[in-house]
């Protein structure tokens, strides 16, 4: 039986998606990217799923694109490959109406780093590292890295990471603002699952609206962002979870959100 390039498990309102080519540090070939897109879209469309956990099997999150699967040639169109394969994955993760936790175990390199940064909350094992490996092989950072890095780490650090292609260890990545928390290796997955469970118990519709507001914020000036907040707040204020949250607050009890 062929081993699937991506594993998908749904339990207790959490979809766990695992990149599953551990023998090559989950290098991204066509089959894996297709399967990842399918898994992300499956989780997004499943009403029983209220949070997503994305990680890598074995010793790493992802070593980036599988270069053996895209040998250089004069007719090679890497831009079209990005448009058809990588862009839909990144956009699906960012627009998913549910929070995505990325648990980075080991290296996250090249487009693998981009996929990790596309999560809403990124956790990293202490042994993990990040690297914008593109300039080492004569390429440009892609899959969203030139969008994520300046926003998360700032322009100066983004330029250095992109141009120098040096490894950034997990504590440095945390200091740069690329990850939310660094954990001891053995604690990464237990903490990631606990965090995903916490998010799955949150008001799912409000989480989706929060993601929408933050995704759009850099493209708007303050008056426009204020108006967007007001529009989204109208939607949030009409949900069952808002009614439950207010009732629980007034009754001095823990709310029980249903994601509606």
Foldseek 3Di string as FASTA:
>chain_A
DDDQQWDWDDDLQEIEIEGEPQVQQSADDQRSLVVLLVRLVVLLPDLSHAEYEYAYPDQWRYAYHPCVRQDDDPPDDVVVVCVVGLQSNLVSQLLRLHAYEYETGAEQEQLSLLNQLSGPAYEYEQRHKYWDQAVVPPHFRDSCLVPRQCVQQNDVVSVCRRNVRDIGGDVNCVVSRSHVYYDHNVCRVVVSVVVRSVRSQDQSNVSSLVSVLVVCVVVDDDVVSVVSVVVSVVVVCPDPQVVQVVVCVVVVHDGGHDND
